[in-house]
Each structure stands twice: as C-alpha cells, then as structure tokens.
Amino acid sequence: MHRVLDAVDLEVRTGSAVAITGRSGSGKSTLLNLLSGIDFPDSGTIELDGREIGSLREPERTEFRRLHVGFVYQFFNLVPTLCVEENVRLPLELNGVRGAQARRRSAAMLARVGLGDRLQSAVDTLSGGEQQRVAIARALVHEPSLVLADEPTGNLDEATAGEVVPLLRSLVSARGATLMMVTHDRALAAAADRALELREGRLYPVS
C-alpha cells in the first residue's frame, strides 16, 4: 500500500485562504478530495462546519458537497452543451433552486465576475480567462462555506492569472467562505493568508 498522506493535522479558520504547494504527485489533489468527501481516509477524521464528513454515508456526503462545497478546476470543467448562464445555474438546480430565482442568482453572479453581457454565449467561444471566471461563478453561486481550487491558474497565462487570483480571493472573502487552493503558482500562494507545502505526506509551513 502506498501512503499518500501521513499524520496530516490541519485546522483552518473560517473565512481564511490557505494555499497548498508541493511537487506533482505529492498528494495535493488527494487532500482536496478528502476535504470534500470524494475520497475517504483510512484513518483520522475530517470536520467541516462542525460535521464529521467520515460519519456520513455516500448519499449524505454527495448532498453535503452540493450544499456546502464549491470547486474551481484547472481545466474549468464547464459543460460544453450549456451556455454560460446555464453552467452557473446548474449547482442551484441540483440544490432545488429553479426557475426565475435561479436565473436571477446566476445572472447576478456572472455580473460580479464581469460577464453579465455573456449569459447566452457558448462556453467554447470564451477565452481561457473568461471560462475560469465562469467556473468561479459556478463554484460560488450556491454560497458554499468551503471553496476548493485545484490549480485554478494552471491553464492561464501570467497576465490573466493576475486578474483571476484577486477576483477569486475577493469573491470568496465577501461571502465569508473558506478557500483551500492547490497550486504551483507562487503568486497565488503568496496571495493566501497561509501557505503550506505537502512533502512526503506531511504539511510544512512555507516561510
């Protein structure tokens, strides 16, 4: 058996932003999957908002993720058959928010990320930076308490990443959510309240 994480002990204050760095294959994405309940630890506990995720059955963990967790990915993971507004509206509809209310909330969120004029655009007509803004809007529209970002600037050029990073931070902060970011981007790590390196299965402070 290959041990990916070993005696990881981490407490994150509500409303803070934490960056996790480390070489490829060190277990950073696995850590995010554990925090969201996608993966299950062999030992130990994971608590979010006072709930021990490991005590939940799989259907309960799925519902918990839909309600309380937002995801931002390196490759956006947008649905190509849906327009911009429909992509952002999807998490709301999965949580039972539909119709005019869902459309209003998704449109308002897209306006916050500067895409209020692109609601009906096909996602493949957008630039990489615009697609990541849609992904951020989708991650935040249902007002999650935890936002997990896996290499959110990894597919962007330096200038575009410089625009996306403060946008992500400000929007998450405005909602009082907690942000956990996995990144190789030093600028992104520096923008966090706290930076940690995952090395040989353990977390170490980055000075």
Protein backbone atom coordinates (compact mmCIF):
# COMPACT_ATOMS: atom_id res chain seq x y z
CA MET A 1 0.00 0.00 0.00
CA HIS A 2 1.29 3.46 -0.91
CA ARG A 3 0.80 6.03 1.87
CA VAL A 4 -0.09 9.38 0.28
CA LEU A 5 -0.79 11.44 3.41
CA ASP A 6 0.78 10.69 6.77
CA ALA A 7 -0.43 12.19 10.08
CA VAL A 8 -1.71 15.38 8.43
CA ASP A 9 -3.09 17.67 11.14
CA LEU A 10 -4.61 20.89 9.87
CA GLU A 11 -7.09 23.36 11.31
CA VAL A 12 -8.31 26.13 9.02
CA ARG A 13 -10.06 29.20 10.36
CA THR A 14 -13.40 30.05 8.79
CA GLY A 15 -13.04 32.81 6.21
CA SER A 16 -9.32 32.31 5.61
CA ALA A 17 -7.46 31.35 2.46
CA VAL A 18 -4.87 28.56 2.54
CA ALA A 19 -2.55 27.58 -0.31
CA ILE A 20 -1.11 24.06 -0.52
CA THR A 21 2.04 23.70 -2.61
CA GLY A 22 4.18 20.67 -3.41
CA ARG A 23 5.61 18.70 -6.30
CA SER A 24 3.39 16.79 -8.70
CA GLY A 25 2.21 13.53 -7.20
CA SER A 26 2.73 14.67 -3.61
CA GLY A 27 -0.96 14.21 -2.75
CA LYS A 28 -2.31 17.75 -3.06
CA SER A 29 -5.37 16.80 -5.12
CA THR A 30 -5.95 13.79 -2.87
CA LEU A 31 -6.07 16.18 0.09
CA LEU A 32 -8.76 18.26 -1.63
CA ASN A 33 -10.74 15.11 -2.42
CA LEU A 34 -10.60 14.11 1.23
CA LEU A 35 -11.74 17.55 2.37
CA SER A 36 -14.75 17.37 0.05
CA GLY A 37 -15.68 13.81 0.96
CA ILE A 38 -14.97 12.46 -2.53
CA ASP A 39 -12.26 10.23 -1.07
CA PHE A 40 -12.43 8.58 2.34
CA PRO A 41 -9.44 8.44 4.75
CA ASP A 42 -8.14 5.12 6.02
CA SER A 43 -7.85 6.70 9.47
CA GLY A 44 -8.44 10.02 11.17
CA THR A 45 -11.33 12.47 10.94
CA ILE A 46 -12.29 15.39 8.73
CA GLU A 47 -14.69 18.03 10.04
CA LEU A 48 -16.34 20.85 8.14
CA ASP A 49 -18.65 23.31 9.89
CA GLY A 50 -18.73 21.00 12.89
CA ARG A 51 -19.76 17.91 10.93
CA GLU A 52 -17.53 14.86 10.71
CA ILE A 53 -17.62 14.02 7.00
CA GLY A 54 -16.47 10.45 7.53
CA SER A 55 -19.60 9.68 9.55
CA LEU A 56 -21.83 10.44 6.57
CA ARG A 57 -23.00 7.78 4.16
CA GLU A 58 -22.17 8.28 0.47
CA PRO A 59 -25.56 9.85 -0.47
CA GLU A 60 -25.22 12.21 2.50
CA ARG A 61 -21.66 13.15 1.50
CA THR A 62 -22.85 13.88 -2.03
CA GLU A 63 -25.60 16.14 -0.71
CA PHE A 64 -23.16 17.78 1.70
CA ARG A 65 -20.79 18.61 -1.19
CA ARG A 66 -23.62 20.05 -3.29
CA LEU A 67 -24.73 22.34 -0.46
CA HIS A 68 -21.50 23.35 1.23
CA VAL A 69 -18.57 22.95 -1.19
CA GLY A 70 -17.64 24.80 -4.38
CA PHE A 71 -14.99 23.58 -6.84
CA VAL A 72 -12.70 25.51 -9.20
CA TYR A 73 -10.58 23.35 -11.53
CA GLN A 74 -7.51 23.95 -13.69
CA PHE A 75 -9.34 22.94 -16.88
CA PHE A 76 -12.61 24.70 -15.96
CA ASN A 77 -14.81 21.57 -16.35
CA LEU A 78 -17.63 23.55 -17.92
CA VAL A 79 -20.44 21.71 -19.71
CA PRO A 80 -19.94 22.50 -23.43
CA THR A 81 -23.59 21.85 -24.36
CA LEU A 82 -24.80 24.50 -21.90
CA CYS A 83 -24.48 28.27 -22.31
CA VAL A 84 -22.62 30.41 -19.77
CA GLU A 85 -25.67 31.16 -17.62
CA GLU A 86 -26.83 27.53 -17.67
CA ASN A 87 -23.41 26.36 -16.46
CA VAL A 88 -23.58 28.71 -13.49
CA ARG A 89 -27.21 27.86 -12.78
CA LEU A 90 -26.51 24.12 -12.62
CA PRO A 91 -25.43 23.94 -8.93
CA LEU A 92 -28.54 25.87 -7.92
CA GLU A 93 -30.82 23.49 -9.77
CA LEU A 94 -29.07 20.50 -8.22
CA ASN A 95 -29.88 22.06 -4.84
CA GLY A 96 -33.54 22.57 -5.73
CA VAL A 97 -33.37 26.28 -6.68
CA ARG A 98 -35.02 26.64 -10.07
CA GLY A 99 -36.92 28.99 -12.36
CA ALA A 100 -36.67 32.77 -12.11
CA GLN A 101 -34.84 32.71 -8.79
CA ALA A 102 -32.06 30.50 -10.17
CA ARG A 103 -31.75 32.67 -13.29
CA ARG A 104 -31.53 35.84 -11.21
CA ARG A 105 -28.86 34.44 -8.93
CA SER A 106 -26.74 33.09 -11.76
CA ALA A 107 -27.02 36.34 -13.73
CA ALA A 108 -26.05 38.36 -10.66
CA MET A 109 -23.05 36.12 -10.01
CA LEU A 110 -21.90 36.43 -13.62
CA ALA A 111 -22.19 40.20 -13.36
CA ARG A 112 -19.89 40.04 -10.31
CA VAL A 113 -17.19 38.31 -12.37
CA GLY A 114 -17.58 40.75 -15.27
CA LEU A 115 -19.54 38.51 -17.63
CA GLY A 116 -23.00 39.97 -17.30
CA ASP A 117 -23.13 40.51 -21.07
CA ARG A 118 -22.20 36.90 -21.94
CA LEU A 119 -25.08 34.99 -20.34
CA GLN A 120 -26.17 33.21 -23.51
CA SER A 121 -22.72 32.70 -25.00
CA ALA A 122 -21.44 29.22 -25.74
CA VAL A 123 -18.59 28.46 -23.35
CA ASP A 124 -16.25 27.43 -26.18
CA THR A 125 -16.43 30.98 -27.57
CA LEU A 126 -14.85 32.39 -24.39
CA SER A 127 -11.17 32.93 -23.68
CA GLY A 128 -9.43 30.85 -21.04
CA GLY A 129 -9.68 33.66 -18.51
CA GLU A 130 -13.38 34.11 -19.21
CA GLN A 131 -14.01 30.38 -18.84
CA GLN A 132 -12.26 30.42 -15.47
CA ARG A 133 -14.45 33.35 -14.41
CA VAL A 134 -17.49 31.25 -15.32
CA ALA A 135 -16.04 28.39 -13.27
CA ILE A 136 -15.56 30.72 -10.30
CA ALA A 137 -19.13 31.99 -10.64
CA ARG A 138 -20.40 28.41 -10.75
CA ALA A 139 -18.37 27.50 -7.65
CA LEU A 140 -19.75 30.40 -5.62
CA VAL A 141 -23.33 30.83 -6.83
CA HIS A 142 -24.81 28.46 -4.22
CA GLU A 143 -22.88 30.26 -1.45
CA PRO A 144 -20.74 27.36 -0.18
CA SER A 145 -18.86 27.57 3.11
CA LEU A 146 -15.77 25.90 1.58
CA VAL A 147 -14.26 26.60 -1.85
CA LEU A 148 -11.67 24.14 -3.16
CA ALA A 149 -9.47 25.34 -6.03
CA ASP A 150 -7.20 22.81 -7.77
CA GLU A 151 -4.54 24.69 -9.80
CA PRO A 152 -7.03 27.48 -10.68
CA THR A 153 -4.40 29.43 -12.64
CA GLY A 154 -2.61 26.42 -14.14
CA ASN A 155 -4.20 26.83 -17.57
CA LEU A 156 -3.92 30.62 -17.73
CA ASP A 157 -1.19 32.97 -18.90
CA GLU A 158 0.52 35.13 -16.29
CA ALA A 159 -1.45 38.29 -17.04
CA THR A 160 -4.81 36.52 -16.97
CA ALA A 161 -3.87 34.67 -13.79
CA GLY A 162 -3.06 38.07 -12.27
CA GLU A 163 -6.67 39.07 -12.86
CA VAL A 164 -8.29 35.83 -11.75
CA VAL A 165 -6.44 35.47 -8.43
CA PRO A 166 -7.66 38.71 -6.78
CA LEU A 167 -11.14 38.12 -8.20
CA LEU A 168 -11.33 34.68 -6.60
CA ARG A 169 -9.98 35.96 -3.29
CA SER A 170 -12.33 38.95 -3.12
CA LEU A 171 -15.46 37.00 -4.03
CA VAL A 172 -14.73 34.22 -1.54
CA SER A 173 -13.89 36.75 1.18
CA ALA A 174 -17.07 38.73 0.53
CA ARG A 175 -19.11 35.62 1.32
CA GLY A 176 -17.14 34.70 4.43
CA ALA A 177 -16.20 31.36 2.88
CA THR A 178 -13.01 29.41 3.44
CA LEU A 179 -10.70 28.94 0.45
CA MET A 180 -8.32 25.99 0.04
CA MET A 181 -6.08 26.23 -3.04
CA VAL A 182 -3.67 23.69 -4.51
CA THR A 183 -1.13 25.45 -6.69
CA HIS A 184 2.34 25.62 -8.21
CA ASP A 185 1.82 29.37 -8.74
CA ARG A 186 3.97 31.36 -6.31
CA ALA A 187 1.87 34.48 -6.78
CA LEU A 188 -1.28 32.57 -5.92
CA ALA A 189 0.36 31.04 -2.85
CA ALA A 190 1.57 34.49 -1.77
CA ALA A 191 -1.99 35.83 -2.05
CA ALA A 192 -3.20 33.34 0.58
CA ASP A 193 -3.36 34.04 4.30
CA ARG A 194 -1.32 30.91 4.89
CA ALA A 195 0.87 28.76 2.64
CA LEU A 196 1.80 25.14 3.35
CA GLU A 197 3.95 22.64 1.46
CA LEU A 198 2.91 19.00 1.20
CA ARG A 199 6.09 16.94 1.32
CA GLU A 200 6.45 13.21 1.95
CA GLY A 201 2.87 13.04 3.13
CA ARG A 202 3.10 15.85 5.68
CA LEU A 203 2.34 19.57 5.70
CA TYR A 204 5.06 22.12 6.45
CA PRO A 205 4.77 25.93 6.71
CA VAL A 206 6.15 27.90 3.77
CA SER A 207 8.28 30.78 5.01
